[in-house]
PDB file of N, CA and C in Angstrom:
ATOM      1  N   UNK A   1      -4.364  26.337 -64.559  1.00  0.00           N
ATOM      2  CA  UNK A   1      -3.550  25.909 -63.437  1.00  0.00           C
ATOM      3  C   UNK A   1      -4.001  24.529 -62.986  1.00  0.00           C
ATOM      4  N   UNK A   2      -3.051  23.702 -62.683  1.00  0.00           N
ATOM      5  CA  UNK A   2      -3.361  22.379 -62.155  1.00  0.00           C
ATOM      6  C   UNK A   2      -3.442  22.469 -60.644  1.00  0.00           C
ATOM      7  N   UNK A   3      -4.608  22.195 -60.088  1.00  0.00           N
ATOM      8  CA  UNK A   3      -4.822  22.365 -58.660  1.00  0.00           C
ATOM      9  C   UNK A   3      -4.107  21.325 -57.810  1.00  0.00           C
ATOM     10  N   UNK A   4      -3.732  20.213 -58.380  1.00  0.00           N
ATOM     11  CA  UNK A   4      -3.083  19.174 -57.590  1.00  0.00           C
ATOM     12  C   UNK A   4      -1.561  19.251 -57.663  1.00  0.00           C
ATOM     13  N   UNK A   5      -1.017  20.276 -58.310  1.00  0.00           N
ATOM     14  CA  UNK A   5       0.430  20.466 -58.400  1.00  0.00           C
ATOM     15  C   UNK A   5       0.818  21.639 -57.499  1.00  0.00           C
ATOM     16  N   UNK A   6       1.685  21.425 -56.489  1.00  0.00           N
ATOM     17  CA  UNK A   6       2.090  22.532 -55.627  1.00  0.00           C
ATOM     18  C   UNK A   6       2.722  23.656 -56.460  1.00  0.00           C
ATOM     19  N   UNK A   7       2.171  24.852 -56.324  1.00  0.00           N
ATOM     20  CA  UNK A   7       2.590  25.988 -57.138  1.00  0.00           C
ATOM     21  C   UNK A   7       2.702  27.222 -56.259  1.00  0.00           C
ATOM     22  N   UNK A   8       3.702  28.059 -56.551  1.00  0.00           N
ATOM     23  CA  UNK A   8       3.856  29.347 -55.879  1.00  0.00           C
ATOM     24  C   UNK A   8       3.819  30.426 -56.945  1.00  0.00           C
ATOM     25  N   UNK A   9       2.999  31.458 -56.710  1.00  0.00           N
ATOM     26  CA  UNK A   9       2.913  32.601 -57.618  1.00  0.00           C
ATOM     27  C   UNK A   9       3.412  33.816 -56.850  1.00  0.00           C
ATOM     28  N   UNK A  10       4.482  34.434 -57.349  1.00  0.00           N
ATOM     29  CA  UNK A  10       5.103  35.578 -56.687  1.00  0.00           C
ATOM     30  C   UNK A  10       5.183  36.724 -57.681  1.00  0.00           C
ATOM     31  N   UNK A  11       4.814  37.922 -57.244  1.00  0.00           N
ATOM     32  CA  UNK A  11       4.975  39.052 -58.141  1.00  0.00           C
ATOM     33  C   UNK A  11       4.373  40.335 -57.628  1.00  0.00           C
ATOM     34  N   UNK A  12       4.597  41.391 -58.407  1.00  0.00           N
ATOM     35  CA  UNK A  12       4.053  42.717 -58.147  1.00  0.00           C
ATOM     36  C   UNK A  12       2.700  42.780 -58.832  1.00  0.00           C
ATOM     37  N   UNK A  13       1.631  42.705 -58.045  1.00  0.00           N
ATOM     38  CA  UNK A  13       0.279  42.654 -58.586  1.00  0.00           C
ATOM     39  C   UNK A  13      -0.346  44.032 -58.749  1.00  0.00           C
ATOM     40  N   UNK A  14       0.271  45.077 -58.161  1.00  0.00           N
ATOM     41  CA  UNK A  14      -0.302  46.426 -58.149  1.00  0.00           C
ATOM     42  C   UNK A  14      -1.708  46.441 -57.558  1.00  0.00           C
ATOM     43  N   UNK A  15      -1.961  45.531 -56.640  1.00  0.00           N
ATOM     44  CA  UNK A  15      -3.206  45.494 -55.877  1.00  0.00           C
ATOM     45  C   UNK A  15      -2.786  45.469 -54.414  1.00  0.00           C
ATOM     46  N   UNK A  16      -3.054  46.540 -53.705  1.00  0.00           N
ATOM     47  CA  UNK A  16      -2.636  46.661 -52.308  1.00  0.00           C
ATOM     48  C   UNK A  16      -3.620  45.922 -51.411  1.00  0.00           C
ATOM     49  N   UNK A  17      -3.157  44.833 -50.780  1.00  0.00           N
ATOM     50  CA  UNK A  17      -4.072  44.051 -49.948  1.00  0.00           C
ATOM     51  C   UNK A  17      -4.340  44.711 -48.607  1.00  0.00           C
ATOM     52  N   UNK A  18      -3.565  45.741 -48.255  1.00  0.00           N
ATOM     53  CA  UNK A  18      -3.789  46.421 -46.981  1.00  0.00           C
ATOM     54  C   UNK A  18      -4.962  47.396 -47.037  1.00  0.00           C
ATOM     55  N   UNK A  19      -5.435  47.715 -48.232  1.00  0.00           N
ATOM     56  CA  UNK A  19      -6.586  48.605 -48.396  1.00  0.00           C
ATOM     57  C   UNK A  19      -7.683  47.831 -49.114  1.00  0.00           C
ATOM     58  N   UNK A  20      -8.382  47.022 -48.448  1.00  0.00           N
ATOM     59  CA  UNK A  20      -9.365  46.070 -48.980  1.00  0.00           C
ATOM     60  C   UNK A  20     -10.276  46.674 -50.058  1.00  0.00           C
ATOM     61  N   UNK A  21      -9.733  46.848 -51.250  1.00  0.00           N
ATOM     62  CA  UNK A  21     -10.476  47.426 -52.362  1.00  0.00           C
ATOM     63  C   UNK A  21     -11.235  46.351 -53.130  1.00  0.00           C
ATOM     64  N   UNK A  22     -12.036  46.798 -54.075  1.00  0.00           N
ATOM     65  CA  UNK A  22     -12.751  45.875 -54.959  1.00  0.00           C
ATOM     66  C   UNK A  22     -11.759  45.027 -55.751  1.00  0.00           C
ATOM     67  N   UNK A  23     -10.629  45.638 -56.164  1.00  0.00           N
ATOM     68  CA  UNK A  23      -9.605  44.884 -56.906  1.00  0.00           C
ATOM     69  C   UNK A  23      -9.062  43.743 -56.065  1.00  0.00           C
ATOM     70  N   UNK A  24      -8.767  44.040 -54.796  1.00  0.00           N
ATOM     71  CA  UNK A  24      -8.243  42.986 -53.932  1.00  0.00           C
ATOM     72  C   UNK A  24      -9.288  41.898 -53.712  1.00  0.00           C
ATOM     73  N   UNK A  25     -10.529  42.297 -53.442  1.00  0.00           N
ATOM     74  CA  UNK A  25     -11.592  41.313 -53.207  1.00  0.00           C
ATOM     75  C   UNK A  25     -11.763  40.394 -54.412  1.00  0.00           C
ATOM     76  N   UNK A  26     -11.735  40.957 -55.609  1.00  0.00           N
ATOM     77  CA  UNK A  26     -11.875  40.161 -56.834  1.00  0.00           C
ATOM     78  C   UNK A  26     -10.706  39.196 -56.982  1.00  0.00           C
ATOM     79  N   UNK A  27      -9.482  39.695 -56.778  1.00  0.00           N
ATOM     80  CA  UNK A  27      -8.295  38.839 -56.878  1.00  0.00           C
ATOM     81  C   UNK A  27      -8.334  37.748 -55.817  1.00  0.00           C
ATOM     82  N   UNK A  28      -8.638  38.111 -54.590  1.00  0.00           N
ATOM     83  CA  UNK A  28      -8.679  37.154 -53.486  1.00  0.00           C
ATOM     84  C   UNK A  28      -9.732  36.071 -53.740  1.00  0.00           C
ATOM     85  N   UNK A  29     -10.911  36.467 -54.194  1.00  0.00           N
ATOM     86  CA  UNK A  29     -11.962  35.482 -54.480  1.00  0.00           C
ATOM     87  C   UNK A  29     -11.549  34.535 -55.599  1.00  0.00           C
ATOM     88  N   UNK A  30     -10.917  35.072 -56.653  1.00  0.00           N
ATOM     89  CA  UNK A  30     -10.456  34.213 -57.747  1.00  0.00           C
ATOM     90  C   UNK A  30      -9.410  33.223 -57.259  1.00  0.00           C
ATOM     91  N   UNK A  31      -8.422  33.725 -56.507  1.00  0.00           N
ATOM     92  CA  UNK A  31      -7.356  32.836 -56.028  1.00  0.00           C
ATOM     93  C   UNK A  31      -7.930  31.768 -55.088  1.00  0.00           C
ATOM     94  N   UNK A  32      -8.904  32.126 -54.280  1.00  0.00           N
ATOM     95  CA  UNK A  32      -9.548  31.129 -53.406  1.00  0.00           C
ATOM     96  C   UNK A  32     -10.250  30.049 -54.212  1.00  0.00           C
ATOM     97  N   UNK A  33     -10.900  30.411 -55.326  1.00  0.00           N
ATOM     98  CA  UNK A  33     -11.561  29.400 -56.146  1.00  0.00           C
ATOM     99  C   UNK A  33     -10.547  28.446 -56.770  1.00  0.00           C
ATOM    100  N   UNK A  34      -9.310  28.912 -56.938  1.00  0.00           N
ATOM    101  CA  UNK A  34      -8.241  28.080 -57.483  1.00  0.00           C
ATOM    102  C   UNK A  34      -7.443  27.374 -56.383  1.00  0.00           C
ATOM    103  N   UNK A  35      -7.899  27.507 -55.137  1.00  0.00           N
ATOM    104  CA  UNK A  35      -7.293  26.875 -53.957  1.00  0.00           C
ATOM    105  C   UNK A  35      -5.930  27.469 -53.599  1.00  0.00           C
ATOM    106  N   UNK A  36      -5.717  28.757 -53.891  1.00  0.00           N
ATOM    107  CA  UNK A  36      -4.486  29.444 -53.524  1.00  0.00           C
ATOM    108  C   UNK A  36      -4.707  30.280 -52.279  1.00  0.00           C
ATOM    109  N   UNK A  37      -3.675  30.339 -51.425  1.00  0.00           N
ATOM    110  CA  UNK A  37      -3.720  31.141 -50.208  1.00  0.00           C
ATOM    111  C   UNK A  37      -2.638  32.207 -50.271  1.00  0.00           C
ATOM    112  N   UNK A  38      -2.933  33.370 -49.726  1.00  0.00           N
ATOM    113  CA  UNK A  38      -1.958  34.447 -49.615  1.00  0.00           C
ATOM    114  C   UNK A  38      -1.079  34.167 -48.407  1.00  0.00           C
ATOM    115  N   UNK A  39       0.252  34.234 -48.582  1.00  0.00           N
ATOM    116  CA  UNK A  39       1.148  33.835 -47.505  1.00  0.00           C
ATOM    117  C   UNK A  39       1.759  34.981 -46.723  1.00  0.00           C
ATOM    118  N   UNK A  40       1.984  36.113 -47.333  1.00  0.00           N
ATOM    119  CA  UNK A  40       2.747  37.186 -46.701  1.00  0.00           C
ATOM    120  C   UNK A  40       1.813  38.338 -46.407  1.00  0.00           C
ATOM    121  N   UNK A  41       1.777  38.837 -45.177  1.00  0.00           N
ATOM    122  CA  UNK A  41       0.770  39.816 -44.765  1.00  0.00           C
ATOM    123  C   UNK A  41       1.354  41.138 -44.262  1.00  0.00           C
ATOM    124  N   UNK A  42       2.619  41.429 -44.550  1.00  0.00           N
ATOM    125  CA  UNK A  42       3.232  42.687 -44.135  1.00  0.00           C
ATOM    126  C   UNK A  42       3.397  43.593 -45.344  1.00  0.00           C
ATOM    127  N   UNK A  43       3.573  44.895 -45.085  1.00  0.00           N
ATOM    128  CA  UNK A  43       3.784  45.791 -46.221  1.00  0.00           C
ATOM    129  C   UNK A  43       5.084  45.436 -46.931  1.00  0.00           C
ATOM    130  N   UNK A  44       5.134  45.740 -48.228  1.00  0.00           N
ATOM    131  CA  UNK A  44       6.275  45.321 -49.055  1.00  0.00           C
ATOM    132  C   UNK A  44       6.932  46.478 -49.805  1.00  0.00           C
ATOM    133  N   UNK A  45       6.524  47.714 -49.512  1.00  0.00           N
ATOM    134  CA  UNK A  45       7.140  48.863 -50.178  1.00  0.00           C
ATOM    135  C   UNK A  45       7.520  49.915 -49.141  1.00  0.00           C
ATOM    136  N   UNK A  46       8.349  50.856 -49.561  1.00  0.00           N
ATOM    137  CA  UNK A  46       8.763  51.948 -48.686  1.00  0.00           C
ATOM    138  C   UNK A  46       7.552  52.772 -48.240  1.00  0.00           C
ATOM    139  N   UNK A  47       6.545  52.887 -49.107  1.00  0.00           N
ATOM    140  CA  UNK A  47       5.342  53.656 -48.773  1.00  0.00           C
ATOM    141  C   UNK A  47       4.333  52.835 -47.969  1.00  0.00           C
ATOM    142  N   UNK A  48       4.764  51.688 -47.484  1.00  0.00           N
ATOM    143  CA  UNK A  48       3.965  50.800 -46.627  1.00  0.00           C
ATOM    144  C   UNK A  48       2.692  50.308 -47.304  1.00  0.00           C
ATOM    145  N   UNK A  49       2.821  49.906 -48.560  1.00  0.00           N
ATOM    146  CA  UNK A  49       1.744  49.218 -49.256  1.00  0.00           C
ATOM    147  C   UNK A  49       2.141  47.757 -49.414  1.00  0.00           C
ATOM    148  N   UNK A  50       1.190  46.948 -49.755  1.00  0.00           N
ATOM    149  CA  UNK A  50       1.440  45.510 -49.922  1.00  0.00           C
ATOM    150  C   UNK A  50       0.979  45.119 -51.322  1.00  0.00           C
ATOM    151  N   UNK A  51       1.849  45.362 -52.309  1.00  0.00           N
ATOM    152  CA  UNK A  51       1.498  45.039 -53.697  1.00  0.00           C
ATOM    153  C   UNK A  51       2.277  43.841 -54.230  1.00  0.00           C
ATOM    154  N   UNK A  52       3.264  43.385 -53.471  1.00  0.00           N
ATOM    155  CA  UNK A  52       4.041  42.212 -53.862  1.00  0.00           C
ATOM    156  C   UNK A  52       3.441  41.012 -53.146  1.00  0.00           C
ATOM    157  N   UNK A  53       2.903  40.091 -53.916  1.00  0.00           N
ATOM    158  CA  UNK A  53       2.136  38.993 -53.341  1.00  0.00           C
ATOM    159  C   UNK A  53       2.861  37.664 -53.481  1.00  0.00           C
ATOM    160  N   UNK A  54       2.602  36.785 -52.537  1.00  0.00           N
ATOM    161  CA  UNK A  54       3.046  35.393 -52.604  1.00  0.00           C
ATOM    162  C   UNK A  54       1.808  34.536 -52.353  1.00  0.00           C
ATOM    163  N   UNK A  55       1.372  33.832 -53.388  1.00  0.00           N
ATOM    164  CA  UNK A  55       0.214  32.942 -53.310  1.00  0.00           C
ATOM    165  C   UNK A  55       0.694  31.512 -53.530  1.00  0.00           C
ATOM    166  N   UNK A  56       0.092  30.544 -52.854  1.00  0.00           N
ATOM    167  CA  UNK A  56       0.452  29.151 -53.078  1.00  0.00           C
ATOM    168  C   UNK A  56      -0.739  28.233 -52.846  1.00  0.00           C
ATOM    169  N   UNK A  57      -0.680  27.106 -53.506  1.00  0.00           N
ATOM    170  CA  UNK A  57      -1.645  26.035 -53.239  1.00  0.00           C
ATOM    171  C   UNK A  57      -0.941  24.862 -52.558  1.00  0.00           C
ATOM    172  N   UNK A  58       0.342  25.054 -52.204  1.00  0.00           N
ATOM    173  CA  UNK A  58       1.108  24.037 -51.489  1.00  0.00           C
ATOM    174  C   UNK A  58       0.739  24.075 -50.008  1.00  0.00           C
ATOM    175  N   UNK A  59       0.940  22.978 -49.298  1.00  0.00           N
ATOM    176  CA  UNK A  59       0.710  23.003 -47.849  1.00  0.00           C
ATOM    177  C   UNK A  59       1.595  24.075 -47.201  1.00  0.00           C
ATOM    178  N   UNK A  60       0.989  24.985 -46.461  1.00  0.00           N
ATOM    179  CA  UNK A  60       1.741  26.134 -45.937  1.00  0.00           C
ATOM    180  C   UNK A  60       2.787  25.738 -44.907  1.00  0.00           C
ATOM    181  N   UNK A  61       2.661  24.603 -44.273  1.00  0.00           N
ATOM    182  CA  UNK A  61       3.681  24.178 -43.321  1.00  0.00           C
ATOM    183  C   UNK A  61       4.995  23.825 -44.031  1.00  0.00           C
ATOM    184  N   UNK A  62       4.979  23.697 -45.351  1.00  0.00           N
ATOM    185  CA  UNK A  62       6.191  23.417 -46.118  1.00  0.00           C
ATOM    186  C   UNK A  62       6.873  24.700 -46.592  1.00  0.00           C
ATOM    187  N   UNK A  63       6.323  25.862 -46.248  1.00  0.00           N
ATOM    188  CA  UNK A  63       6.843  27.144 -46.758  1.00  0.00           C
ATOM    189  C   UNK A  63       7.566  27.893 -45.650  1.00  0.00           C
ATOM    190  N   UNK A  64       8.651  28.566 -46.034  1.00  0.00           N
ATOM    191  CA  UNK A  64       9.374  29.444 -45.127  1.00  0.00           C
ATOM    192  C   UNK A  64       9.380  30.830 -45.748  1.00  0.00           C
ATOM    193  N   UNK A  65       8.941  31.841 -45.000  1.00  0.00           N
ATOM    194  CA  UNK A  65       8.810  33.183 -45.526  1.00  0.00           C
ATOM    195  C   UNK A  65       9.762  34.149 -44.847  1.00  0.00           C
ATOM    196  N   UNK A  66      10.139  35.182 -45.577  1.00  0.00           N
ATOM    197  CA  UNK A  66      10.948  36.249 -45.034  1.00  0.00           C
ATOM    198  C   UNK A  66      10.972  37.402 -46.013  1.00  0.00           C
ATOM    199  N   UNK A  67      11.582  38.500 -45.621  1.00  0.00           N
ATOM    200  CA  UNK A  67      11.673  39.640 -46.519  1.00  0.00           C
ATOM    201  C   UNK A  67      13.058  40.253 -46.438  1.00  0.00           C
ATOM    202  N   UNK A  68      13.408  41.002 -47.456  1.00  0.00           N
ATOM    203  CA  UNK A  68      14.676  41.692 -47.516  1.00  0.00           C
ATOM    204  C   UNK A  68      14.516  42.960 -48.329  1.00  0.00           C
ATOM    205  N   UNK A  69      15.374  43.932 -48.134  1.00  0.00           N
ATOM    206  CA  UNK A  69      15.319  45.138 -48.947  1.00  0.00           C
ATOM    207  C   UNK A  69      16.030  44.892 -50.265  1.00  0.00           C
ATOM    208  N   UNK A  70      15.466  45.455 -51.315  1.00  0.00           N
ATOM    209  CA  UNK A  70      16.079  45.354 -52.636  1.00  0.00           C
ATOM    210  C   UNK A  70      15.840  46.671 -53.376  1.00  0.00           C
ATOM    211  N   UNK A  71      16.794  47.061 -54.174  1.00  0.00           N
ATOM    212  CA  UNK A  71      16.647  48.310 -54.944  1.00  0.00           C
ATOM    213  C   UNK A  71      16.855  48.044 -56.406  1.00  0.00           C
TER     214      UNK A  71
END
């Protein structure tokens, strides 16, 4: 990854950030070393887990976030 290029990574990581597990800590530490920040902090599934992540190294004031239901 090029750290000086604004990048957004979006996807289903199957790592629930609401239950601070070892998997989340490892992912979070790696993304921090790459200068990425987690942008969305609400649950993203019907079962109230947060496995869909949005990470970016772009200035966060340039980002607009929201959610919608999808099936």
